[in-house]
Amino acid sequence: MAKGEETRQFIIDKAAPIFNTKGIAATSMSDIMEATKLSKGSMYVHFENKEVLACAAVDHNMKVLGVKLQAEMSKSKTAKGELFAYIDFFSNPVTPPIIGGCPLLNFGTEADDTNPIVKEKINGGIKYNQQLLGSIIAKGIANGEFNPNWNASDFATVMFAMMEGGHLISRMSGNNDKMQIIVKTLKKIIEENTL
């Protein structure tokens, strides 16, 4: 990696948790300069403006989260195990897998009316997660692991929505009580559809 690319990645690595915690609007270039110990001039050599850096931070946060999630899910040998691993990975929003919590929720609620570029990135992440869950269920059906009448797409939507809703409730309340109800409910539905 060239020196310029290394510096650019260093800035993204430092900026991503700040944007994910404070939000795009509340994060200033001064916050990033403080975290990186770089001058304003150095920052603008690599990023035209805060919006360009914010988009790179959104991508970075989603990538880091995805890599960590895939690592957990890859430990499972069955479709049911993969679904449980997905649920377990997100089951503790008070202590989330990445700093600041779920980037889909954080950036999605901020960008829905204000930032069409970030909104599209988050929408893509939502679709990807629903397709991932749906494909795991479809694989489980094909393997004879799940009820062949189980609607993979519908459950993927419900599961994703419940997990994101549980994340919001838990972060707002400061505890995981409600998320544990969601975890228990989702696992019960999966068990009921396991052959």
C-alpha atoms as a PDB file:
ATOM      1  CA  MET A   1       0.000   0.000   0.000  1.00  0.00           C
ATOM      2  CA  ALA A   2       1.399   3.411  -0.978  1.00  0.00           C
ATOM      3  CA  LYS A   3       2.051   6.012   1.727  1.00  0.00           C
ATOM      4  CA  GLY A   4      -0.909   8.140   0.597  1.00  0.00           C
ATOM      5  CA  GLU A   5      -3.225   5.127   0.668  1.00  0.00           C
ATOM      6  CA  GLU A   6      -1.938   4.177   4.127  1.00  0.00           C
ATOM      7  CA  THR A   7      -2.641   7.677   5.443  1.00  0.00           C
ATOM      8  CA  ARG A   8      -6.084   7.688   3.849  1.00  0.00           C
ATOM      9  CA  GLN A   9      -6.911   4.329   5.472  1.00  0.00           C
ATOM     10  CA  PHE A  10      -5.516   5.530   8.800  1.00  0.00           C
ATOM     11  CA  ILE A  11      -7.877   8.528   8.674  1.00  0.00           C
ATOM     12  CA  ILE A  12     -10.846   6.282   7.862  1.00  0.00           C
ATOM     13  CA  ASP A  13      -9.923   3.845  10.668  1.00  0.00           C
ATOM     14  CA  LYS A  14      -9.832   6.696  13.199  1.00  0.00           C
ATOM     15  CA  ALA A  15     -12.878   8.549  11.816  1.00  0.00           C
ATOM     16  CA  ALA A  16     -15.271   5.595  11.429  1.00  0.00           C
ATOM     17  CA  PRO A  17     -15.963   5.014  15.160  1.00  0.00           C
ATOM     18  CA  ILE A  18     -16.369   8.764  15.724  1.00  0.00           C
ATOM     19  CA  PHE A  19     -18.945   9.108  12.945  1.00  0.00           C
ATOM     20  CA  ASN A  20     -20.724   5.948  14.135  1.00  0.00           C
ATOM     21  CA  THR A  21     -20.900   7.274  17.705  1.00  0.00           C
ATOM     22  CA  LYS A  22     -21.588  10.984  17.185  1.00  0.00           C
ATOM     23  CA  GLY A  23     -23.309  10.891  13.803  1.00  0.00           C
ATOM     24  CA  ILE A  24     -22.335  12.660  10.607  1.00  0.00           C
ATOM     25  CA  ALA A  25     -23.821  16.053  11.462  1.00  0.00           C
ATOM     26  CA  ALA A  26     -22.325  16.205  14.959  1.00  0.00           C
ATOM     27  CA  THR A  27     -18.842  15.063  13.917  1.00  0.00           C
ATOM     28  CA  SER A  28     -16.500  17.876  12.969  1.00  0.00           C
ATOM     29  CA  MET A  29     -13.268  17.752  11.042  1.00  0.00           C
ATOM     30  CA  SER A  30     -11.676  18.993  14.285  1.00  0.00           C
ATOM     31  CA  ASP A  31     -12.820  15.749  15.951  1.00  0.00           C
ATOM     32  CA  ILE A  32     -11.076  13.768  13.220  1.00  0.00           C
ATOM     33  CA  MET A  33      -7.963  15.952  13.372  1.00  0.00           C
ATOM     34  CA  GLU A  34      -7.762  15.381  17.118  1.00  0.00           C
ATOM     35  CA  ALA A  35      -8.078  11.607  16.709  1.00  0.00           C
ATOM     36  CA  THR A  36      -5.551  11.390  13.871  1.00  0.00           C
ATOM     37  CA  LYS A  37      -3.177  14.143  15.069  1.00  0.00           C
ATOM     38  CA  LEU A  38      -3.110  15.351  11.433  1.00  0.00           C
ATOM     39  CA  SER A  39      -3.416  18.927  10.238  1.00  0.00           C
ATOM     40  CA  LYS A  40      -6.439  20.245   8.376  1.00  0.00           C
ATOM     41  CA  GLY A  41      -4.292  20.482   5.235  1.00  0.00           C
ATOM     42  CA  SER A  42      -3.333  16.798   5.515  1.00  0.00           C
ATOM     43  CA  MET A  43      -6.975  15.842   5.960  1.00  0.00           C
ATOM     44  CA  TYR A  44      -8.065  17.691   2.842  1.00  0.00           C
ATOM     45  CA  VAL A  45      -5.282  16.155   0.753  1.00  0.00           C
ATOM     46  CA  HIS A  46      -7.037  12.805   1.243  1.00  0.00           C
ATOM     47  CA  PHE A  47     -10.687  13.843   1.529  1.00  0.00           C
ATOM     48  CA  GLU A  48     -12.284  16.670  -0.428  1.00  0.00           C
ATOM     49  CA  ASN A  49     -14.681  17.426   2.425  1.00  0.00           C
ATOM     50  CA  LYS A  50     -16.383  15.958   5.488  1.00  0.00           C
ATOM     51  CA  GLU A  51     -19.143  14.355   3.392  1.00  0.00           C
ATOM     52  CA  VAL A  52     -16.627  12.338   1.360  1.00  0.00           C
ATOM     53  CA  LEU A  53     -14.932  11.186   4.576  1.00  0.00           C
ATOM     54  CA  ALA A  54     -18.301  10.374   6.147  1.00  0.00           C
ATOM     55  CA  CYS A  55     -19.237   8.157   3.184  1.00  0.00           C
ATOM     56  CA  ALA A  56     -15.910   6.335   3.498  1.00  0.00           C
ATOM     57  CA  ALA A  57     -16.557   5.925   7.248  1.00  0.00           C
ATOM     58  CA  VAL A  58     -20.021   4.477   6.603  1.00  0.00           C
ATOM     59  CA  ASP A  59     -18.549   1.938   4.169  1.00  0.00           C
ATOM     60  CA  HIS A  60     -15.775   1.099   6.633  1.00  0.00           C
ATOM     61  CA  ASN A  61     -18.149   0.570   9.574  1.00  0.00           C
ATOM     62  CA  MET A  62     -20.405  -1.699   7.520  1.00  0.00           C
ATOM     63  CA  LYS A  63     -17.413  -3.667   6.208  1.00  0.00           C
ATOM     64  CA  VAL A  64     -15.913  -4.171   9.692  1.00  0.00           C
ATOM     65  CA  LEU A  65     -19.292  -5.267  11.044  1.00  0.00           C
ATOM     66  CA  GLY A  66     -19.801  -7.647   8.110  1.00  0.00           C
ATOM     67  CA  VAL A  67     -16.375  -9.245   8.503  1.00  0.00           C
ATOM     68  CA  LYS A  68     -16.937  -9.822  12.226  1.00  0.00           C
ATOM     69  CA  LEU A  69     -20.426 -11.234  11.589  1.00  0.00           C
ATOM     70  CA  GLN A  70     -19.207 -13.595   8.847  1.00  0.00           C
ATOM     71  CA  ALA A  71     -16.413 -14.832  11.115  1.00  0.00           C
ATOM     72  CA  GLU A  72     -18.972 -15.792  13.764  1.00  0.00           C
ATOM     73  CA  MET A  73     -21.423 -17.342  11.325  1.00  0.00           C
ATOM     74  CA  SER A  74     -18.724 -19.364   9.555  1.00  0.00           C
ATOM     75  CA  LYS A  75     -18.194 -21.366  12.747  1.00  0.00           C
ATOM     76  CA  SER A  76     -21.626 -22.979  12.255  1.00  0.00           C
ATOM     77  CA  LYS A  77     -22.098 -26.175  10.294  1.00  0.00           C
ATOM     78  CA  THR A  78     -25.876 -25.879   9.842  1.00  0.00           C
ATOM     79  CA  ALA A  79     -28.296 -23.255   8.567  1.00  0.00           C
ATOM     80  CA  LYS A  80     -29.960 -23.198  11.990  1.00  0.00           C
ATOM     81  CA  GLY A  81     -26.552 -22.627  13.576  1.00  0.00           C
ATOM     82  CA  GLU A  82     -25.883 -19.731  11.194  1.00  0.00           C
ATOM     83  CA  LEU A  83     -29.203 -18.074  12.068  1.00  0.00           C
ATOM     84  CA  PHE A  84     -28.518 -18.518  15.776  1.00  0.00           C
ATOM     85  CA  ALA A  85     -24.992 -17.100  15.296  1.00  0.00           C
ATOM     86  CA  TYR A  86     -26.473 -14.046  13.534  1.00  0.00           C
ATOM     87  CA  ILE A  87     -28.912 -13.514  16.409  1.00  0.00           C
ATOM     88  CA  ASP A  88     -26.255 -14.052  19.082  1.00  0.00           C
ATOM     89  CA  PHE A  89     -23.828 -11.683  17.331  1.00  0.00           C
ATOM     90  CA  PHE A  90     -26.316  -8.815  17.646  1.00  0.00           C
ATOM     91  CA  SER A  91     -27.839  -9.862  20.984  1.00  0.00           C
ATOM     92  CA  ASN A  92     -25.938  -7.392  23.189  1.00  0.00           C
ATOM     93  CA  PRO A  93     -26.518  -3.872  21.810  1.00  0.00           C
ATOM     94  CA  VAL A  94     -25.383  -2.232  25.053  1.00  0.00           C
ATOM     95  CA  THR A  95     -21.927  -3.679  24.304  1.00  0.00           C
ATOM     96  CA  PRO A  96     -22.068  -3.775  20.482  1.00  0.00           C
ATOM     97  CA  PRO A  97     -19.641  -5.585  18.167  1.00  0.00           C
ATOM     98  CA  ILE A  98     -18.337  -2.241  16.851  1.00  0.00           C
ATOM     99  CA  ILE A  99     -17.899   1.106  18.586  1.00  0.00           C
ATOM    100  CA  GLY A 100     -21.068   3.178  18.488  1.00  0.00           C
ATOM    101  CA  GLY A 101     -23.450   0.335  17.710  1.00  0.00           C
ATOM    102  CA  CYS A 102     -25.161  -0.752  14.512  1.00  0.00           C
ATOM    103  CA  PRO A 103     -24.136   1.526  11.619  1.00  0.00           C
ATOM    104  CA  LEU A 104     -27.271   0.628   9.663  1.00  0.00           C
ATOM    105  CA  LEU A 105     -29.438   1.965  12.463  1.00  0.00           C
ATOM    106  CA  ASN A 106     -27.193   4.904  13.348  1.00  0.00           C
ATOM    107  CA  PHE A 107     -26.590   6.240   9.858  1.00  0.00           C
ATOM    108  CA  GLY A 108     -29.993   5.196   8.534  1.00  0.00           C
ATOM    109  CA  THR A 109     -31.962   7.258  11.019  1.00  0.00           C
ATOM    110  CA  GLU A 110     -29.714  10.249  10.427  1.00  0.00           C
ATOM    111  CA  ALA A 111     -29.519  10.063   6.636  1.00  0.00           C
ATOM    112  CA  ASP A 112     -33.076   9.107   5.679  1.00  0.00           C
ATOM    113  CA  ASP A 113     -34.095  12.721   4.969  1.00  0.00           C
ATOM    114  CA  THR A 114     -30.727  14.472   4.789  1.00  0.00           C
ATOM    115  CA  ASN A 115     -28.124  12.469   2.870  1.00  0.00           C
ATOM    116  CA  PRO A 116     -29.228  10.519  -0.224  1.00  0.00           C
ATOM    117  CA  ILE A 117     -25.784   8.972  -0.774  1.00  0.00           C
ATOM    118  CA  VAL A 118     -25.573   7.534   2.745  1.00  0.00           C
ATOM    119  CA  LYS A 119     -29.251   6.589   2.593  1.00  0.00           C
ATOM    120  CA  GLU A 120     -28.562   4.475  -0.503  1.00  0.00           C
ATOM    121  CA  LYS A 121     -25.540   2.824   1.145  1.00  0.00           C
ATOM    122  CA  ILE A 122     -27.615   1.919   4.205  1.00  0.00           C
ATOM    123  CA  ASN A 123     -30.523   0.709   2.082  1.00  0.00           C
ATOM    124  CA  GLY A 124     -28.062  -1.567   0.295  1.00  0.00           C
ATOM    125  CA  GLY A 125     -26.839  -2.882   3.651  1.00  0.00           C
ATOM    126  CA  ILE A 126     -30.393  -3.588   4.779  1.00  0.00           C
ATOM    127  CA  LYS A 127     -31.181  -5.455   1.562  1.00  0.00           C
ATOM    128  CA  TYR A 128     -27.935  -7.405   1.843  1.00  0.00           C
ATOM    129  CA  ASN A 129     -28.758  -8.553   5.397  1.00  0.00           C
ATOM    130  CA  GLN A 130     -32.283  -9.592   4.473  1.00  0.00           C
ATOM    131  CA  GLN A 131     -30.972 -11.504   1.445  1.00  0.00           C
ATOM    132  CA  LEU A 132     -28.298 -13.134   3.597  1.00  0.00           C
ATOM    133  CA  LEU A 133     -30.886 -14.347   6.109  1.00  0.00           C
ATOM    134  CA  GLY A 134     -33.254 -15.460   3.346  1.00  0.00           C
ATOM    135  CA  SER A 135     -30.494 -17.409   1.595  1.00  0.00           C
ATOM    136  CA  ILE A 136     -29.548 -19.186   4.839  1.00  0.00           C
ATOM    137  CA  ILE A 137     -33.162 -20.275   5.314  1.00  0.00           C
ATOM    138  CA  ALA A 138     -33.434 -21.328   1.651  1.00  0.00           C
ATOM    139  CA  LYS A 139     -30.237 -23.384   2.060  1.00  0.00           C
ATOM    140  CA  GLY A 140     -31.688 -24.987   5.189  1.00  0.00           C
ATOM    141  CA  ILE A 141     -34.885 -25.868   3.317  1.00  0.00           C
ATOM    142  CA  ALA A 142     -32.884 -27.355   0.422  1.00  0.00           C
ATOM    143  CA  ASN A 143     -30.813 -29.407   2.908  1.00  0.00           C
ATOM    144  CA  GLY A 144     -33.953 -30.767   4.575  1.00  0.00           C
ATOM    145  CA  GLU A 145     -33.131 -28.896   7.758  1.00  0.00           C
ATOM    146  CA  PHE A 146     -36.145 -26.550   7.730  1.00  0.00           C
ATOM    147  CA  ASN A 147     -39.856 -26.825   6.980  1.00  0.00           C
ATOM    148  CA  PRO A 148     -40.226 -26.615   3.172  1.00  0.00           C
ATOM    149  CA  ASN A 149     -43.252 -24.313   3.581  1.00  0.00           C
ATOM    150  CA  TRP A 150     -41.317 -21.724   5.608  1.00  0.00           C
ATOM    151  CA  ASN A 151     -41.280 -18.409   3.736  1.00  0.00           C
ATOM    152  CA  ALA A 152     -37.589 -17.495   3.798  1.00  0.00           C
ATOM    153  CA  SER A 153     -38.028 -13.941   2.509  1.00  0.00           C
ATOM    154  CA  ASP A 154     -40.822 -13.041   4.924  1.00  0.00           C
ATOM    155  CA  PHE A 155     -38.986 -14.398   7.971  1.00  0.00           C
ATOM    156  CA  ALA A 156     -35.746 -12.687   6.906  1.00  0.00           C
ATOM    157  CA  THR A 157     -37.600  -9.348   6.876  1.00  0.00           C
ATOM    158  CA  VAL A 158     -39.224  -9.999  10.265  1.00  0.00           C
ATOM    159  CA  MET A 159     -35.985 -11.209  11.838  1.00  0.00           C
ATOM    160  CA  PHE A 160     -33.981  -8.234  10.582  1.00  0.00           C
ATOM    161  CA  ALA A 161     -36.646  -5.742  11.696  1.00  0.00           C
ATOM    162  CA  MET A 162     -36.910  -7.314  15.147  1.00  0.00           C
ATOM    163  CA  MET A 163     -33.137  -7.296  15.642  1.00  0.00           C
ATOM    164  CA  GLU A 164     -32.810  -3.644  14.571  1.00  0.00           C
ATOM    165  CA  GLY A 165     -35.799  -2.653  16.708  1.00  0.00           C
ATOM    166  CA  GLY A 166     -34.318  -4.504  19.660  1.00  0.00           C
ATOM    167  CA  HIS A 167     -31.039  -2.714  19.098  1.00  0.00           C
ATOM    168  CA  LEU A 168     -32.775   0.675  19.240  1.00  0.00           C
ATOM    169  CA  ILE A 169     -34.776  -0.190  22.366  1.00  0.00           C
ATOM    170  CA  SER A 170     -31.694  -1.566  24.141  1.00  0.00           C
ATOM    171  CA  ARG A 171     -29.487   1.410  23.277  1.00  0.00           C
ATOM    172  CA  MET A 172     -32.169   3.840  24.464  1.00  0.00           C
ATOM    173  CA  SER A 173     -32.903   2.001  27.705  1.00  0.00           C
ATOM    174  CA  GLY A 174     -29.274   1.136  28.443  1.00  0.00           C
ATOM    175  CA  ASN A 175     -30.038  -2.543  28.988  1.00  0.00           C
ATOM    176  CA  ASN A 176     -30.612  -5.675  26.919  1.00  0.00           C
ATOM    177  CA  ASP A 177     -33.823  -6.913  28.595  1.00  0.00           C
ATOM    178  CA  LYS A 178     -36.057  -6.354  25.571  1.00  0.00           C
ATOM    179  CA  MET A 179     -33.442  -7.720  23.161  1.00  0.00           C
ATOM    180  CA  GLN A 180     -33.366 -10.938  25.159  1.00  0.00           C
ATOM    181  CA  ILE A 181     -37.129 -11.276  24.598  1.00  0.00           C
ATOM    182  CA  ILE A 182     -36.553 -10.785  20.853  1.00  0.00           C
ATOM    183  CA  VAL A 183     -33.699 -13.320  20.829  1.00  0.00           C
ATOM    184  CA  LYS A 184     -35.853 -15.897  22.614  1.00  0.00           C
ATOM    185  CA  THR A 185     -38.806 -15.283  20.267  1.00  0.00           C
ATOM    186  CA  LEU A 186     -36.731 -15.537  17.065  1.00  0.00           C
ATOM    187  CA  LYS A 187     -34.977 -18.705  18.213  1.00  0.00           C
ATOM    188  CA  LYS A 188     -38.352 -20.238  19.106  1.00  0.00           C
ATOM    189  CA  ILE A 189     -39.664 -19.534  15.595  1.00  0.00           C
ATOM    190  CA  ILE A 190     -36.529 -21.054  14.069  1.00  0.00           C
ATOM    191  CA  GLU A 191     -36.879 -24.147  16.296  1.00  0.00           C
ATOM    192  CA  GLU A 192     -40.541 -24.487  15.271  1.00  0.00           C
ATOM    193  CA  ASN A 193     -39.465 -24.542  11.608  1.00  0.00           C
ATOM    194  CA  THR A 194     -36.579 -26.992  12.122  1.00  0.00           C
ATOM    195  CA  LEU A 195     -37.256 -30.574  11.105  1.00  0.00           C
END
